[in-house]
PDB file of N, CA and C in Angstrom:
ATOM      1  N   UNK A   1       2.241  12.543 -14.084  1.00  0.00           N
ATOM      2  CA  UNK A   1       1.297  11.630 -13.492  1.00  0.00           C
ATOM      3  C   UNK A   1       0.817  12.192 -12.158  1.00  0.00           C
ATOM      4  N   UNK A   2      -0.451  12.391 -12.065  1.00  0.00           N
ATOM      5  CA  UNK A   2      -1.033  13.033 -10.882  1.00  0.00           C
ATOM      6  C   UNK A   2      -0.844  12.197  -9.608  1.00  0.00           C
ATOM      7  N   UNK A   3      -0.842  10.880  -9.751  1.00  0.00           N
ATOM      8  CA  UNK A   3      -0.694   9.999  -8.587  1.00  0.00           C
ATOM      9  C   UNK A   3       0.668  10.157  -7.906  1.00  0.00           C
ATOM     10  N   UNK A   4       1.653  10.631  -8.659  1.00  0.00           N
ATOM     11  CA  UNK A   4       3.004  10.754  -8.124  1.00  0.00           C
ATOM     12  C   UNK A   4       3.240  12.054  -7.360  1.00  0.00           C
ATOM     13  N   UNK A   5       2.326  13.004  -7.475  1.00  0.00           N
ATOM     14  CA  UNK A   5       2.521  14.308  -6.830  1.00  0.00           C
ATOM     15  C   UNK A   5       2.738  14.209  -5.319  1.00  0.00           C
ATOM     16  N   UNK A   6       1.944  13.411  -4.577  1.00  0.00           N
ATOM     17  CA  UNK A   6       2.204  13.303  -3.131  1.00  0.00           C
ATOM     18  C   UNK A   6       3.572  12.689  -2.824  1.00  0.00           C
ATOM     19  N   UNK A   7       3.992  11.750  -3.653  1.00  0.00           N
ATOM     20  CA  UNK A   7       5.293  11.109  -3.451  1.00  0.00           C
ATOM     21  C   UNK A   7       6.410  12.120  -3.681  1.00  0.00           C
ATOM     22  N   UNK A   8       6.275  12.911  -4.731  1.00  0.00           N
ATOM     23  CA  UNK A   8       7.280  13.933  -5.028  1.00  0.00           C
ATOM     24  C   UNK A   8       7.348  14.950  -3.890  1.00  0.00           C
ATOM     25  N   UNK A   9       6.202  15.276  -3.325  1.00  0.00           N
ATOM     26  CA  UNK A   9       6.179  16.202  -2.187  1.00  0.00           C
ATOM     27  C   UNK A   9       6.908  15.594  -0.989  1.00  0.00           C
ATOM     28  N   UNK A  10       6.713  14.303  -0.756  1.00  0.00           N
ATOM     29  CA  UNK A  10       7.400  13.626   0.347  1.00  0.00           C
ATOM     30  C   UNK A  10       8.913  13.608   0.124  1.00  0.00           C
ATOM     31  N   UNK A  11       9.321  13.401  -1.133  1.00  0.00           N
ATOM     32  CA  UNK A  11      10.750  13.432  -1.447  1.00  0.00           C
ATOM     33  C   UNK A  11      11.319  14.828  -1.206  1.00  0.00           C
ATOM     34  N   UNK A  12      10.543  15.853  -1.578  1.00  0.00           N
ATOM     35  CA  UNK A  12      10.975  17.235  -1.328  1.00  0.00           C
ATOM     36  C   UNK A  12      11.164  17.498   0.162  1.00  0.00           C
ATOM     37  N   UNK A  13      10.282  16.938   0.981  1.00  0.00           N
ATOM     38  CA  UNK A  13      10.402  17.115   2.433  1.00  0.00           C
ATOM     39  C   UNK A  13      11.712  16.525   2.950  1.00  0.00           C
ATOM     40  N   UNK A  14      12.096  15.377   2.410  1.00  0.00           N
ATOM     41  CA  UNK A  14      13.368  14.766   2.810  1.00  0.00           C
ATOM     42  C   UNK A  14      14.531  15.653   2.371  1.00  0.00           C
ATOM     43  N   UNK A  15      14.439  16.198   1.165  1.00  0.00           N
ATOM     44  CA  UNK A  15      15.508  17.062   0.661  1.00  0.00           C
ATOM     45  C   UNK A  15      15.675  18.323   1.502  1.00  0.00           C
ATOM     46  N   UNK A  16      14.601  18.773   2.131  1.00  0.00           N
ATOM     47  CA  UNK A  16      14.651  19.986   2.949  1.00  0.00           C
ATOM     48  C   UNK A  16      15.135  19.725   4.377  1.00  0.00           C
ATOM     49  N   UNK A  17      15.196  18.468   4.782  1.00  0.00           N
ATOM     50  CA  UNK A  17      15.652  18.121   6.136  1.00  0.00           C
ATOM     51  C   UNK A  17      17.126  18.477   6.298  1.00  0.00           C
ATOM     52  N   UNK A  18      17.471  19.035   7.430  1.00  0.00           N
ATOM     53  CA  UNK A  18      18.843  19.481   7.671  1.00  0.00           C
ATOM     54  C   UNK A  18      19.782  18.337   8.057  1.00  0.00           C
ATOM     55  N   UNK A  19      19.308  17.319   8.708  1.00  0.00           N
ATOM     56  CA  UNK A  19      20.179  16.267   9.219  1.00  0.00           C
ATOM     57  C   UNK A  19      20.419  15.109   8.272  1.00  0.00           C
ATOM     58  N   UNK A  20      20.009  15.254   7.019  1.00  0.00           N
ATOM     59  CA  UNK A  20      20.148  14.161   6.058  1.00  0.00           C
ATOM     60  C   UNK A  20      21.507  14.283   5.357  1.00  0.00           C
ATOM     61  N   UNK A  21      22.310  13.207   5.350  1.00  0.00           N
ATOM     62  CA  UNK A  21      23.604  13.251   4.673  1.00  0.00           C
ATOM     63  C   UNK A  21      23.467  13.546   3.174  1.00  0.00           C
ATOM     64  N   UNK A  22      24.518  14.112   2.605  1.00  0.00           N
ATOM     65  CA  UNK A  22      24.493  14.521   1.197  1.00  0.00           C
ATOM     66  C   UNK A  22      24.262  13.349   0.248  1.00  0.00           C
ATOM     67  N   UNK A  23      24.871  12.194   0.548  1.00  0.00           N
ATOM     68  CA  UNK A  23      24.693  11.056  -0.351  1.00  0.00           C
ATOM     69  C   UNK A  23      23.240  10.574  -0.372  1.00  0.00           C
ATOM     70  N   UNK A  24      22.557  10.696   0.749  1.00  0.00           N
ATOM     71  CA  UNK A  24      21.143  10.321   0.820  1.00  0.00           C
ATOM     72  C   UNK A  24      20.318  11.324   0.023  1.00  0.00           C
ATOM     73  N   UNK A  25      20.617  12.599   0.205  1.00  0.00           N
ATOM     74  CA  UNK A  25      19.897  13.633  -0.546  1.00  0.00           C
ATOM     75  C   UNK A  25      20.104  13.461  -2.047  1.00  0.00           C
ATOM     76  N   UNK A  26      21.313  13.083  -2.443  1.00  0.00           N
ATOM     77  CA  UNK A  26      21.596  12.875  -3.868  1.00  0.00           C
ATOM     78  C   UNK A  26      20.729  11.750  -4.434  1.00  0.00           C
ATOM     79  N   UNK A  27      20.627  10.658  -3.706  1.00  0.00           N
ATOM     80  CA  UNK A  27      19.811   9.528  -4.155  1.00  0.00           C
ATOM     81  C   UNK A  27      18.331   9.897  -4.196  1.00  0.00           C
ATOM     82  N   UNK A  28      17.872  10.667  -3.219  1.00  0.00           N
ATOM     83  CA  UNK A  28      16.475  11.113  -3.195  1.00  0.00           C
ATOM     84  C   UNK A  28      16.216  12.037  -4.381  1.00  0.00           C
ATOM     85  N   UNK A  29      17.156  12.922  -4.665  1.00  0.00           N
ATOM     86  CA  UNK A  29      17.027  13.831  -5.812  1.00  0.00           C
ATOM     87  C   UNK A  29      16.981  13.045  -7.124  1.00  0.00           C
ATOM     88  N   UNK A  30      17.819  12.021  -7.251  1.00  0.00           N
ATOM     89  CA  UNK A  30      17.811  11.181  -8.450  1.00  0.00           C
ATOM     90  C   UNK A  30      16.461  10.477  -8.601  1.00  0.00           C
ATOM     91  N   UNK A  31      15.925   9.975  -7.513  1.00  0.00           N
ATOM     92  CA  UNK A  31      14.616   9.315  -7.552  1.00  0.00           C
ATOM     93  C   UNK A  31      13.532  10.289  -7.981  1.00  0.00           C
ATOM     94  N   UNK A  32      13.594  11.482  -7.453  1.00  0.00           N
ATOM     95  CA  UNK A  32      12.631  12.523  -7.826  1.00  0.00           C
ATOM     96  C   UNK A  32      12.746  12.845  -9.314  1.00  0.00           C
ATOM     97  N   UNK A  33      13.972  12.915  -9.821  1.00  0.00           N
ATOM     98  CA  UNK A  33      14.175  13.189 -11.248  1.00  0.00           C
ATOM     99  C   UNK A  33      13.593  12.075 -12.115  1.00  0.00           C
ATOM    100  N   UNK A  34      13.745  10.827 -11.677  1.00  0.00           N
ATOM    101  CA  UNK A  34      13.130   9.716 -12.416  1.00  0.00           C
ATOM    102  C   UNK A  34      11.615   9.905 -12.486  1.00  0.00           C
ATOM    103  N   UNK A  35      11.017  10.238 -11.360  1.00  0.00           N
ATOM    104  CA  UNK A  35       9.557  10.366 -11.309  1.00  0.00           C
ATOM    105  C   UNK A  35       9.051  11.553 -12.123  1.00  0.00           C
ATOM    106  N   UNK A  36       9.867  12.583 -12.273  1.00  0.00           N
ATOM    107  CA  UNK A  36       9.476  13.758 -13.057  1.00  0.00           C
ATOM    108  C   UNK A  36       9.795  13.627 -14.540  1.00  0.00           C
ATOM    109  N   UNK A  37      10.467  12.550 -14.929  1.00  0.00           N
ATOM    110  CA  UNK A  37      10.883  12.365 -16.316  1.00  0.00           C
ATOM    111  C   UNK A  37       9.691  11.918 -17.168  1.00  0.00           C
ATOM    112  N   UNK A  38       9.228  12.811 -18.033  1.00  0.00           N
ATOM    113  CA  UNK A  38       8.075  12.502 -18.886  1.00  0.00           C
ATOM    114  C   UNK A  38       8.432  11.630 -20.081  1.00  0.00           C
ATOM    115  N   UNK A  39       9.708  11.440 -20.341  1.00  0.00           N
ATOM    116  CA  UNK A  39      10.130  10.626 -21.487  1.00  0.00           C
ATOM    117  C   UNK A  39      10.124   9.134 -21.170  1.00  0.00           C
ATOM    118  N   UNK A  40      10.083   8.803 -19.890  1.00  0.00           N
ATOM    119  CA  UNK A  40      10.093   7.398 -19.471  1.00  0.00           C
ATOM    120  C   UNK A  40       8.667   6.889 -19.291  1.00  0.00           C
ATOM    121  N   UNK A  41       8.478   5.598 -19.532  1.00  0.00           N
ATOM    122  CA  UNK A  41       7.195   4.956 -19.264  1.00  0.00           C
ATOM    123  C   UNK A  41       6.946   4.982 -17.751  1.00  0.00           C
ATOM    124  N   UNK A  42       5.687   5.120 -17.318  1.00  0.00           N
ATOM    125  CA  UNK A  42       5.396   5.193 -15.877  1.00  0.00           C
ATOM    126  C   UNK A  42       5.966   4.020 -15.072  1.00  0.00           C
ATOM    127  N   UNK A  43       5.836   2.803 -15.592  1.00  0.00           N
ATOM    128  CA  UNK A  43       6.343   1.637 -14.868  1.00  0.00           C
ATOM    129  C   UNK A  43       7.852   1.696 -14.711  1.00  0.00           C
ATOM    130  N   UNK A  44       8.524   2.165 -15.762  1.00  0.00           N
ATOM    131  CA  UNK A  44       9.987   2.219 -15.757  1.00  0.00           C
ATOM    132  C   UNK A  44      10.484   3.270 -14.775  1.00  0.00           C
ATOM    133  N   UNK A  45       9.864   4.447 -14.796  1.00  0.00           N
ATOM    134  CA  UNK A  45      10.347   5.494 -13.893  1.00  0.00           C
ATOM    135  C   UNK A  45      10.064   5.162 -12.432  1.00  0.00           C
ATOM    136  N   UNK A  46       8.943   4.513 -12.160  1.00  0.00           N
ATOM    137  CA  UNK A  46       8.655   4.100 -10.783  1.00  0.00           C
ATOM    138  C   UNK A  46       9.644   3.023 -10.339  1.00  0.00           C
ATOM    139  N   UNK A  47       9.918   2.065 -11.210  1.00  0.00           N
ATOM    140  CA  UNK A  47      10.881   1.008 -10.877  1.00  0.00           C
ATOM    141  C   UNK A  47      12.269   1.580 -10.626  1.00  0.00           C
ATOM    142  N   UNK A  48      12.677   2.531 -11.464  1.00  0.00           N
ATOM    143  CA  UNK A  48      13.995   3.153 -11.302  1.00  0.00           C
ATOM    144  C   UNK A  48      14.078   3.907  -9.982  1.00  0.00           C
ATOM    145  N   UNK A  49      13.020   4.624  -9.641  1.00  0.00           N
ATOM    146  CA  UNK A  49      13.004   5.384  -8.387  1.00  0.00           C
ATOM    147  C   UNK A  49      13.043   4.444  -7.183  1.00  0.00           C
ATOM    148  N   UNK A  50      12.253   3.384  -7.223  1.00  0.00           N
ATOM    149  CA  UNK A  50      12.233   2.417  -6.120  1.00  0.00           C
ATOM    150  C   UNK A  50      13.602   1.763  -5.968  1.00  0.00           C
ATOM    151  N   UNK A  51      14.200   1.393  -7.081  1.00  0.00           N
ATOM    152  CA  UNK A  51      15.517   0.754  -7.041  1.00  0.00           C
ATOM    153  C   UNK A  51      16.552   1.683  -6.410  1.00  0.00           C
ATOM    154  N   UNK A  52      16.543   2.940  -6.815  1.00  0.00           N
ATOM    155  CA  UNK A  52      17.518   3.908  -6.277  1.00  0.00           C
ATOM    156  C   UNK A  52      17.291   4.130  -4.784  1.00  0.00           C
ATOM    157  N   UNK A  53      16.051   4.229  -4.373  1.00  0.00           N
ATOM    158  CA  UNK A  53      15.758   4.408  -2.949  1.00  0.00           C
ATOM    159  C   UNK A  53      16.154   3.165  -2.148  1.00  0.00           C
ATOM    160  N   UNK A  54      15.913   1.996  -2.728  1.00  0.00           N
ATOM    161  CA  UNK A  54      16.251   0.751  -2.046  1.00  0.00           C
ATOM    162  C   UNK A  54      17.757   0.636  -1.812  1.00  0.00           C
ATOM    163  N   UNK A  55      18.539   1.150  -2.753  1.00  0.00           N
ATOM    164  CA  UNK A  55      19.994   1.093  -2.622  1.00  0.00           C
ATOM    165  C   UNK A  55      20.498   1.819  -1.378  1.00  0.00           C
ATOM    166  N   UNK A  56      19.798   2.866  -0.964  1.00  0.00           N
ATOM    167  CA  UNK A  56      20.301   3.677   0.147  1.00  0.00           C
ATOM    168  C   UNK A  56      19.693   3.316   1.502  1.00  0.00           C
ATOM    169  N   UNK A  57      18.717   2.436   1.531  1.00  0.00           N
ATOM    170  CA  UNK A  57      18.035   2.159   2.807  1.00  0.00           C
ATOM    171  C   UNK A  57      18.931   1.466   3.830  1.00  0.00           C
ATOM    172  N   UNK A  58      19.998   0.845   3.388  1.00  0.00           N
ATOM    173  CA  UNK A  58      20.902   0.170   4.322  1.00  0.00           C
ATOM    174  C   UNK A  58      22.088   1.034   4.729  1.00  0.00           C
ATOM    175  N   UNK A  59      22.093   2.281   4.314  1.00  0.00           N
ATOM    176  CA  UNK A  59      23.185   3.193   4.663  1.00  0.00           C
ATOM    177  C   UNK A  59      23.180   3.431   6.177  1.00  0.00           C
ATOM    178  N   UNK A  60      24.286   3.133   6.851  1.00  0.00           N
ATOM    179  CA  UNK A  60      24.320   3.301   8.314  1.00  0.00           C
ATOM    180  C   UNK A  60      24.239   4.759   8.766  1.00  0.00           C
ATOM    181  N   UNK A  61      24.495   5.695   7.866  1.00  0.00           N
ATOM    182  CA  UNK A  61      24.442   7.115   8.220  1.00  0.00           C
ATOM    183  C   UNK A  61      23.046   7.711   8.106  1.00  0.00           C
ATOM    184  N   UNK A  62      22.105   6.920   7.619  1.00  0.00           N
ATOM    185  CA  UNK A  62      20.755   7.441   7.427  1.00  0.00           C
ATOM    186  C   UNK A  62      20.011   7.494   8.760  1.00  0.00           C
ATOM    187  N   UNK A  63      19.440   8.663   9.083  1.00  0.00           N
ATOM    188  CA  UNK A  63      18.616   8.745  10.295  1.00  0.00           C
ATOM    189  C   UNK A  63      17.424   7.786  10.195  1.00  0.00           C
ATOM    190  N   UNK A  64      17.052   7.200  11.307  1.00  0.00           N
ATOM    191  CA  UNK A  64      15.993   6.187  11.319  1.00  0.00           C
ATOM    192  C   UNK A  64      14.674   6.748  10.796  1.00  0.00           C
ATOM    193  N   UNK A  65      14.333   7.973  11.165  1.00  0.00           N
ATOM    194  CA  UNK A  65      13.056   8.533  10.714  1.00  0.00           C
ATOM    195  C   UNK A  65      13.050   8.773   9.206  1.00  0.00           C
ATOM    196  N   UNK A  66      14.208   9.035   8.615  1.00  0.00           N
ATOM    197  CA  UNK A  66      14.292   9.198   7.158  1.00  0.00           C
ATOM    198  C   UNK A  66      14.143   7.833   6.489  1.00  0.00           C
ATOM    199  N   UNK A  67      14.755   6.811   7.070  1.00  0.00           N
ATOM    200  CA  UNK A  67      14.622   5.451   6.528  1.00  0.00           C
ATOM    201  C   UNK A  67      13.150   5.039   6.515  1.00  0.00           C
ATOM    202  N   UNK A  68      12.440   5.362   7.580  1.00  0.00           N
ATOM    203  CA  UNK A  68      11.013   5.041   7.657  1.00  0.00           C
ATOM    204  C   UNK A  68      10.237   5.781   6.578  1.00  0.00           C
ATOM    205  N   UNK A  69      10.550   7.052   6.368  1.00  0.00           N
ATOM    206  CA  UNK A  69       9.884   7.824   5.307  1.00  0.00           C
ATOM    207  C   UNK A  69      10.157   7.215   3.935  1.00  0.00           C
ATOM    208  N   UNK A  70      11.397   6.797   3.710  1.00  0.00           N
ATOM    209  CA  UNK A  70      11.755   6.217   2.411  1.00  0.00           C
ATOM    210  C   UNK A  70      11.033   4.896   2.207  1.00  0.00           C
ATOM    211  N   UNK A  71      10.944   4.071   3.243  1.00  0.00           N
ATOM    212  CA  UNK A  71      10.184   2.820   3.121  1.00  0.00           C
ATOM    213  C   UNK A  71       8.724   3.108   2.794  1.00  0.00           C
ATOM    214  N   UNK A  72       8.172   4.129   3.409  1.00  0.00           N
ATOM    215  CA  UNK A  72       6.789   4.519   3.143  1.00  0.00           C
ATOM    216  C   UNK A  72       6.632   4.957   1.685  1.00  0.00           C
ATOM    217  N   UNK A  73       7.564   5.757   1.200  1.00  0.00           N
ATOM    218  CA  UNK A  73       7.531   6.210  -0.196  1.00  0.00           C
ATOM    219  C   UNK A  73       7.628   5.018  -1.138  1.00  0.00           C
ATOM    220  N   UNK A  74       8.532   4.092  -0.840  1.00  0.00           N
ATOM    221  CA  UNK A  74       8.682   2.908  -1.688  1.00  0.00           C
ATOM    222  C   UNK A  74       7.397   2.093  -1.720  1.00  0.00           C
ATOM    223  N   UNK A  75       6.739   1.970  -0.589  1.00  0.00           N
ATOM    224  CA  UNK A  75       5.481   1.231  -0.514  1.00  0.00           C
ATOM    225  C   UNK A  75       4.405   1.888  -1.377  1.00  0.00           C
ATOM    226  N   UNK A  76       4.315   3.203  -1.296  1.00  0.00           N
ATOM    227  CA  UNK A  76       3.333   3.937  -2.107  1.00  0.00           C
ATOM    228  C   UNK A  76       3.633   3.757  -3.590  1.00  0.00           C
ATOM    229  N   UNK A  77       4.909   3.852  -3.955  1.00  0.00           N
ATOM    230  CA  UNK A  77       5.284   3.686  -5.365  1.00  0.00           C
ATOM    231  C   UNK A  77       4.954   2.278  -5.862  1.00  0.00           C
ATOM    232  N   UNK A  78       5.189   1.275  -5.029  1.00  0.00           N
ATOM    233  CA  UNK A  78       4.853  -0.105  -5.412  1.00  0.00           C
ATOM    234  C   UNK A  78       3.349  -0.258  -5.626  1.00  0.00           C
ATOM    235  N   UNK A  79       2.550   0.379  -4.787  1.00  0.00           N
ATOM    236  CA  UNK A  79       1.096   0.321  -4.948  1.00  0.00           C
ATOM    237  C   UNK A  79       0.668   0.994  -6.248  1.00  0.00           C
ATOM    238  N   UNK A  80       1.257   2.132  -6.551  1.00  0.00           N
ATOM    239  CA  UNK A  80       0.926   2.836  -7.800  1.00  0.00           C
ATOM    240  C   UNK A  80       1.311   1.971  -8.987  1.00  0.00           C
ATOM    241  N   UNK A  81       2.503   1.381  -8.934  1.00  0.00           N
ATOM    242  CA  UNK A  81       2.970   0.546 -10.045  1.00  0.00           C
ATOM    243  C   UNK A  81       2.067  -0.665 -10.251  1.00  0.00           C
ATOM    244  N   UNK A  82       1.559  -1.236  -9.178  1.00  0.00           N
ATOM    245  CA  UNK A  82       0.700  -2.418  -9.314  1.00  0.00           C
ATOM    246  C   UNK A  82      -0.645  -2.079  -9.957  1.00  0.00           C
ATOM    247  N   UNK A  83      -1.052  -0.810  -9.884  1.00  0.00           N
ATOM    248  CA  UNK A  83      -2.325  -0.395 -10.487  1.00  0.00           C
ATOM    249  C   UNK A  83      -2.186  -0.016 -11.959  1.00  0.00           C
ATOM    250  N   UNK A  84      -0.962   0.082 -12.441  1.00  0.00           N
ATOM    251  CA  UNK A  84      -0.768   0.484 -13.846  1.00  0.00           C
ATOM    252  C   UNK A  84      -1.000  -0.673 -14.791  1.00  0.00           C
TER     253      UNK A  84
END
């Protein structure tokens, strides 16, 4: 899905950050895998990615700027899902 390419790029940027804890990177990687999964329906993969990202937003070890990026990604995904 072409609309997801900017979101995937944003997730990649988080994965490349040095100060992000491993558990956060794992959840971001899982979300990225959901979005890249061509076997899933678009609504399902977006919902799965949003759910996984939402699970980690309350992690006290998450840097504030990463939390803001994740909220932004979730917002974009919700907008894409509403247009489907």
